[in-house]
């Protein structure tokens, strides 16, 4: 039985019809944040949104994806996200977030 909201279902259908429908993408991201997208996690939605043939230049969404992974505490995944994101997207906020993360990591490893 589907647990996806009607908004999520409609957004998915709209994206299937027009992959550039930014309003549908934003709606899908919002529904994923509320965990109303069935098997699609917020991470899955961000990964699809940020794929090279979609919207890889969205620094705000790269930052959100990195934050999800930082909470997951897998440094290799976080590093891979930054490696991809910083090459594809010259967003200042994303760079500042990366530098802050590196600073916290350096301070954390120095105190052990």
N, C-alpha and C. Protein backbone atom coordinates (compact mmCIF):
# COMPACT_ATOMS: atom_id res chain seq x y z
N UNK A 1 0.84 -1.19 0.00
CA UNK A 1 0.00 0.00 0.00
C UNK A 1 0.88 1.25 0.00
N UNK A 2 0.57 2.18 -0.85
CA UNK A 2 1.36 3.39 -1.00
C UNK A 2 1.14 4.35 0.18
N UNK A 3 2.24 4.87 0.70
CA UNK A 3 2.14 5.87 1.76
C UNK A 3 2.54 7.25 1.26
N UNK A 4 2.86 7.34 -0.01
CA UNK A 4 3.23 8.64 -0.57
C UNK A 4 2.02 9.57 -0.58
N UNK A 5 2.27 10.82 -0.28
CA UNK A 5 1.19 11.80 -0.31
C UNK A 5 0.76 12.05 -1.75
N UNK A 6 -0.42 12.61 -1.89
CA UNK A 6 -0.90 12.97 -3.22
C UNK A 6 0.02 14.00 -3.87
N UNK A 7 0.52 14.93 -3.07
CA UNK A 7 1.45 15.93 -3.61
C UNK A 7 2.71 15.27 -4.15
N UNK A 8 3.25 14.30 -3.41
CA UNK A 8 4.46 13.60 -3.86
C UNK A 8 4.18 12.83 -5.15
N UNK A 9 3.05 12.14 -5.19
CA UNK A 9 2.69 11.38 -6.40
C UNK A 9 2.55 12.31 -7.60
N UNK A 10 1.89 13.44 -7.41
CA UNK A 10 1.71 14.40 -8.50
C UNK A 10 3.04 14.98 -8.94
N UNK A 11 3.91 15.28 -7.98
CA UNK A 11 5.23 15.82 -8.31
C UNK A 11 6.02 14.82 -9.15
N UNK A 12 5.99 13.55 -8.75
CA UNK A 12 6.71 12.51 -9.49
C UNK A 12 6.17 12.40 -10.92
N UNK A 13 4.86 12.41 -11.06
CA UNK A 13 4.26 12.35 -12.40
C UNK A 13 4.66 13.57 -13.24
N UNK A 14 4.64 14.74 -12.62
CA UNK A 14 5.02 15.97 -13.33
C UNK A 14 6.47 15.91 -13.78
N UNK A 15 7.34 15.40 -12.92
CA UNK A 15 8.77 15.30 -13.26
C UNK A 15 8.98 14.28 -14.38
N UNK A 16 8.22 13.19 -14.35
CA UNK A 16 8.31 12.20 -15.43
C UNK A 16 7.91 12.80 -16.77
N UNK A 17 6.93 13.71 -16.75
CA UNK A 17 6.49 14.38 -17.97
C UNK A 17 7.45 15.48 -18.40
N UNK A 18 8.01 16.19 -17.43
CA UNK A 18 8.92 17.30 -17.72
C UNK A 18 9.99 17.36 -16.64
N UNK A 19 11.16 16.82 -16.94
CA UNK A 19 12.20 16.73 -15.92
C UNK A 19 12.73 18.10 -15.47
N UNK A 20 12.35 19.16 -16.17
CA UNK A 20 12.79 20.51 -15.81
C UNK A 20 11.73 21.27 -15.00
N UNK A 21 10.68 20.60 -14.59
CA UNK A 21 9.60 21.25 -13.84
C UNK A 21 10.08 21.54 -12.41
N UNK A 22 10.65 22.70 -12.22
CA UNK A 22 11.27 23.05 -10.93
C UNK A 22 10.25 23.09 -9.81
N UNK A 23 9.04 23.52 -10.10
CA UNK A 23 8.00 23.54 -9.05
C UNK A 23 7.70 22.12 -8.56
N UNK A 24 7.66 21.16 -9.47
CA UNK A 24 7.43 19.77 -9.08
C UNK A 24 8.60 19.24 -8.25
N UNK A 25 9.81 19.60 -8.64
CA UNK A 25 10.98 19.18 -7.87
C UNK A 25 10.94 19.74 -6.45
N UNK A 26 10.62 21.02 -6.34
CA UNK A 26 10.56 21.65 -5.01
C UNK A 26 9.47 21.00 -4.17
N UNK A 27 8.35 20.69 -4.79
CA UNK A 27 7.27 20.01 -4.09
C UNK A 27 7.72 18.62 -3.63
N UNK A 28 8.43 17.90 -4.49
CA UNK A 28 8.91 16.56 -4.12
C UNK A 28 9.92 16.64 -2.98
N UNK A 29 10.81 17.61 -3.04
CA UNK A 29 11.78 17.79 -1.95
C UNK A 29 11.05 18.10 -0.64
N UNK A 30 10.05 18.97 -0.71
CA UNK A 30 9.29 19.30 0.50
C UNK A 30 8.59 18.08 1.07
N UNK A 31 8.00 17.28 0.22
CA UNK A 31 7.32 16.07 0.68
C UNK A 31 8.33 15.06 1.25
N UNK A 32 9.49 14.98 0.64
CA UNK A 32 10.53 14.07 1.15
C UNK A 32 11.01 14.53 2.53
N UNK A 33 11.09 15.84 2.72
CA UNK A 33 11.48 16.36 4.04
C UNK A 33 10.46 15.96 5.10
N UNK A 34 9.22 15.82 4.69
CA UNK A 34 8.14 15.41 5.60
C UNK A 34 7.97 13.89 5.64
N UNK A 35 8.84 13.19 4.91
CA UNK A 35 8.83 11.73 4.82
C UNK A 35 7.51 11.20 4.26
N UNK A 36 7.03 11.84 3.21
CA UNK A 36 5.77 11.45 2.58
C UNK A 36 5.99 11.00 1.13
N UNK A 37 7.11 10.34 0.86
CA UNK A 37 7.44 9.99 -0.52
C UNK A 37 7.67 8.50 -0.73
N UNK A 38 7.03 7.66 0.04
CA UNK A 38 7.18 6.21 -0.09
C UNK A 38 8.63 5.80 0.11
N UNK A 39 9.15 5.07 -0.87
CA UNK A 39 10.50 4.53 -0.75
C UNK A 39 11.58 5.57 -1.05
N UNK A 40 11.20 6.72 -1.58
CA UNK A 40 12.18 7.75 -1.90
C UNK A 40 12.55 8.53 -0.64
N UNK A 41 13.78 8.39 -0.21
CA UNK A 41 14.24 9.16 0.94
C UNK A 41 14.60 10.57 0.48
N UNK A 42 14.78 11.45 1.42
CA UNK A 42 15.21 12.81 1.09
C UNK A 42 16.56 12.76 0.37
N UNK A 43 17.43 11.90 0.83
CA UNK A 43 18.73 11.73 0.17
C UNK A 43 18.55 11.31 -1.29
N UNK A 44 17.65 10.34 -1.53
CA UNK A 44 17.39 9.87 -2.90
C UNK A 44 16.90 11.02 -3.78
N UNK A 45 15.99 11.82 -3.24
CA UNK A 45 15.43 12.93 -4.01
C UNK A 45 16.52 13.95 -4.33
N UNK A 46 17.35 14.29 -3.34
CA UNK A 46 18.45 15.23 -3.60
C UNK A 46 19.41 14.67 -4.64
N UNK A 47 19.73 13.39 -4.56
CA UNK A 47 20.66 12.79 -5.53
C UNK A 47 20.11 12.87 -6.95
N UNK A 48 18.82 12.61 -7.10
CA UNK A 48 18.19 12.72 -8.43
C UNK A 48 18.17 14.18 -8.89
N UNK A 49 17.82 15.08 -7.99
CA UNK A 49 17.74 16.51 -8.31
C UNK A 49 19.11 17.05 -8.74
N UNK A 50 20.17 16.60 -8.07
CA UNK A 50 21.51 17.13 -8.30
C UNK A 50 22.30 16.38 -9.37
N UNK A 51 21.68 15.40 -10.00
CA UNK A 51 22.40 14.62 -11.00
C UNK A 51 22.89 15.54 -12.13
N UNK A 52 23.95 15.12 -12.83
CA UNK A 52 24.54 15.98 -13.86
C UNK A 52 23.56 16.43 -14.95
N UNK A 53 22.53 15.66 -15.22
CA UNK A 53 21.57 16.04 -16.26
C UNK A 53 20.35 16.76 -15.69
N UNK A 54 20.42 17.16 -14.44
CA UNK A 54 19.31 17.88 -13.81
C UNK A 54 19.79 19.25 -13.33
N UNK A 55 20.01 19.39 -12.03
CA UNK A 55 20.35 20.70 -11.46
C UNK A 55 21.63 20.61 -10.62
N UNK A 56 22.76 20.27 -11.24
CA UNK A 56 24.00 20.08 -10.47
C UNK A 56 24.62 21.37 -9.94
N UNK A 57 24.06 22.52 -10.31
CA UNK A 57 24.63 23.80 -9.88
C UNK A 57 23.94 24.38 -8.66
N UNK A 58 23.06 23.63 -8.04
CA UNK A 58 22.30 24.14 -6.89
C UNK A 58 23.08 23.94 -5.59
N UNK A 59 23.85 24.94 -5.22
CA UNK A 59 24.66 24.87 -4.01
C UNK A 59 23.84 24.64 -2.75
N UNK A 60 22.69 25.24 -2.69
CA UNK A 60 21.83 25.10 -1.51
C UNK A 60 21.44 23.64 -1.30
N UNK A 61 21.15 22.93 -2.39
CA UNK A 61 20.74 21.54 -2.28
C UNK A 61 21.93 20.61 -2.05
N UNK A 62 23.10 20.96 -2.60
CA UNK A 62 24.31 20.19 -2.28
C UNK A 62 24.60 20.29 -0.79
N UNK A 63 24.46 21.48 -0.25
CA UNK A 63 24.71 21.68 1.18
C UNK A 63 23.73 20.84 2.01
N UNK A 64 22.47 20.82 1.62
CA UNK A 64 21.47 20.04 2.34
C UNK A 64 21.80 18.55 2.29
N UNK A 65 22.25 18.07 1.13
CA UNK A 65 22.63 16.67 1.00
C UNK A 65 23.84 16.37 1.89
N UNK A 66 24.82 17.26 1.89
CA UNK A 66 26.00 17.07 2.75
C UNK A 66 25.60 17.03 4.22
N UNK A 67 24.66 17.88 4.61
CA UNK A 67 24.21 17.89 6.01
C UNK A 67 23.56 16.56 6.39
N UNK A 68 22.80 15.98 5.47
CA UNK A 68 22.19 14.67 5.73
C UNK A 68 23.29 13.64 5.98
N UNK A 69 24.31 13.66 5.14
CA UNK A 69 25.39 12.68 5.27
C UNK A 69 26.26 12.93 6.49
N UNK A 70 26.45 14.19 6.85
CA UNK A 70 27.22 14.50 8.06
C UNK A 70 26.51 13.91 9.28
N UNK A 71 25.20 14.02 9.30
CA UNK A 71 24.42 13.43 10.39
C UNK A 71 24.52 11.91 10.39
N UNK A 72 24.73 11.32 9.20
CA UNK A 72 24.90 9.87 9.08
C UNK A 72 26.28 9.41 9.51
N UNK A 73 27.17 10.34 9.72
CA UNK A 73 28.51 10.09 10.26
C UNK A 73 29.35 9.15 9.41
N UNK A 74 29.24 9.23 8.08
CA UNK A 74 30.12 8.48 7.20
C UNK A 74 31.01 9.47 6.46
N UNK A 75 32.22 9.71 6.99
CA UNK A 75 33.09 10.74 6.43
C UNK A 75 33.43 10.53 4.96
N UNK A 76 33.55 9.29 4.51
CA UNK A 76 33.89 9.03 3.11
C UNK A 76 32.78 9.48 2.18
N UNK A 77 31.54 9.28 2.58
CA UNK A 77 30.40 9.71 1.77
C UNK A 77 30.34 11.24 1.74
N UNK A 78 30.56 11.86 2.88
CA UNK A 78 30.57 13.33 2.96
C UNK A 78 31.67 13.90 2.07
N UNK A 79 32.85 13.31 2.14
CA UNK A 79 33.97 13.78 1.31
C UNK A 79 33.65 13.65 -0.17
N UNK A 80 33.01 12.55 -0.56
CA UNK A 80 32.65 12.33 -1.97
C UNK A 80 31.63 13.38 -2.43
N UNK A 81 30.68 13.70 -1.56
CA UNK A 81 29.70 14.73 -1.91
C UNK A 81 30.39 16.07 -2.14
N UNK A 82 31.28 16.44 -1.22
CA UNK A 82 31.98 17.72 -1.40
C UNK A 82 32.88 17.69 -2.63
N UNK A 83 33.53 16.56 -2.87
CA UNK A 83 34.40 16.44 -4.04
C UNK A 83 33.60 16.70 -5.33
N UNK A 84 32.43 16.13 -5.42
CA UNK A 84 31.58 16.32 -6.59
C UNK A 84 30.98 17.72 -6.62
N UNK A 85 30.42 18.13 -5.50
CA UNK A 85 29.69 19.40 -5.44
C UNK A 85 30.58 20.61 -5.69
N UNK A 86 31.75 20.63 -5.09
CA UNK A 86 32.60 21.82 -5.22
C UNK A 86 33.18 21.97 -6.61
N UNK A 87 33.31 20.87 -7.34
CA UNK A 87 33.76 20.94 -8.73
C UNK A 87 32.63 21.44 -9.63
N UNK A 88 31.42 20.93 -9.38
CA UNK A 88 30.28 21.26 -10.25
C UNK A 88 29.65 22.61 -9.93
N UNK A 89 29.79 23.05 -8.69
CA UNK A 89 29.03 24.21 -8.25
C UNK A 89 29.95 25.19 -7.52
N UNK A 90 30.09 26.37 -8.04
CA UNK A 90 30.96 27.37 -7.43
C UNK A 90 30.25 28.23 -6.40
N UNK A 91 29.33 27.66 -5.68
CA UNK A 91 28.50 28.40 -4.72
C UNK A 91 29.30 28.78 -3.47
N UNK A 92 29.30 30.05 -3.13
CA UNK A 92 30.07 30.55 -1.99
C UNK A 92 29.60 29.94 -0.67
N UNK A 93 28.29 29.84 -0.48
CA UNK A 93 27.75 29.27 0.76
C UNK A 93 28.21 27.82 0.93
N UNK A 94 28.26 27.08 -0.17
CA UNK A 94 28.72 25.69 -0.12
C UNK A 94 30.20 25.62 0.25
N UNK A 95 31.01 26.51 -0.34
CA UNK A 95 32.44 26.55 -0.01
C UNK A 95 32.65 26.91 1.47
N UNK A 96 31.90 27.86 1.96
CA UNK A 96 32.03 28.24 3.38
C UNK A 96 31.62 27.09 4.29
N UNK A 97 30.57 26.38 3.92
CA UNK A 97 30.13 25.22 4.69
C UNK A 97 31.23 24.14 4.70
N UNK A 98 31.84 23.92 3.54
CA UNK A 98 32.93 22.95 3.43
C UNK A 98 34.11 23.35 4.32
N UNK A 99 34.49 24.61 4.26
CA UNK A 99 35.62 25.09 5.07
C UNK A 99 35.32 24.96 6.57
N UNK A 100 34.09 25.25 6.96
CA UNK A 100 33.69 25.10 8.36
C UNK A 100 33.75 23.63 8.78
N UNK A 101 33.30 22.75 7.91
CA UNK A 101 33.37 21.31 8.19
C UNK A 101 34.82 20.87 8.34
N UNK A 102 35.70 21.35 7.46
CA UNK A 102 37.12 20.98 7.54
C UNK A 102 37.74 21.52 8.83
N UNK A 103 37.36 22.72 9.22
CA UNK A 103 37.87 23.31 10.46
C UNK A 103 37.43 22.47 11.66
N UNK A 104 36.14 22.09 11.69
CA UNK A 104 35.64 21.25 12.80
C UNK A 104 36.35 19.90 12.82
N UNK A 105 36.59 19.34 11.63
CA UNK A 105 37.27 18.05 11.56
C UNK A 105 38.71 18.17 12.08
N UNK A 106 39.38 19.24 11.70
CA UNK A 106 40.76 19.43 12.14
C UNK A 106 40.82 19.65 13.66
N UNK A 107 39.90 20.43 14.17
CA UNK A 107 39.87 20.67 15.62
C UNK A 107 39.51 19.39 16.38
N UNK A 108 38.60 18.61 15.82
CA UNK A 108 38.19 17.36 16.45
C UNK A 108 39.30 16.35 16.48
N UNK A 109 40.07 16.24 15.39
CA UNK A 109 41.15 15.26 15.34
C UNK A 109 42.35 15.71 16.16
N UNK A 110 42.49 16.99 16.37
CA UNK A 110 43.61 17.51 17.18
C UNK A 110 43.42 17.31 18.66
N UNK A 111 42.19 17.07 19.09
CA UNK A 111 41.92 16.96 20.52
C UNK A 111 41.95 15.52 21.01
N UNK A 112 42.21 14.58 20.11
CA UNK A 112 42.22 13.17 20.51
C UNK A 112 43.54 12.78 21.14
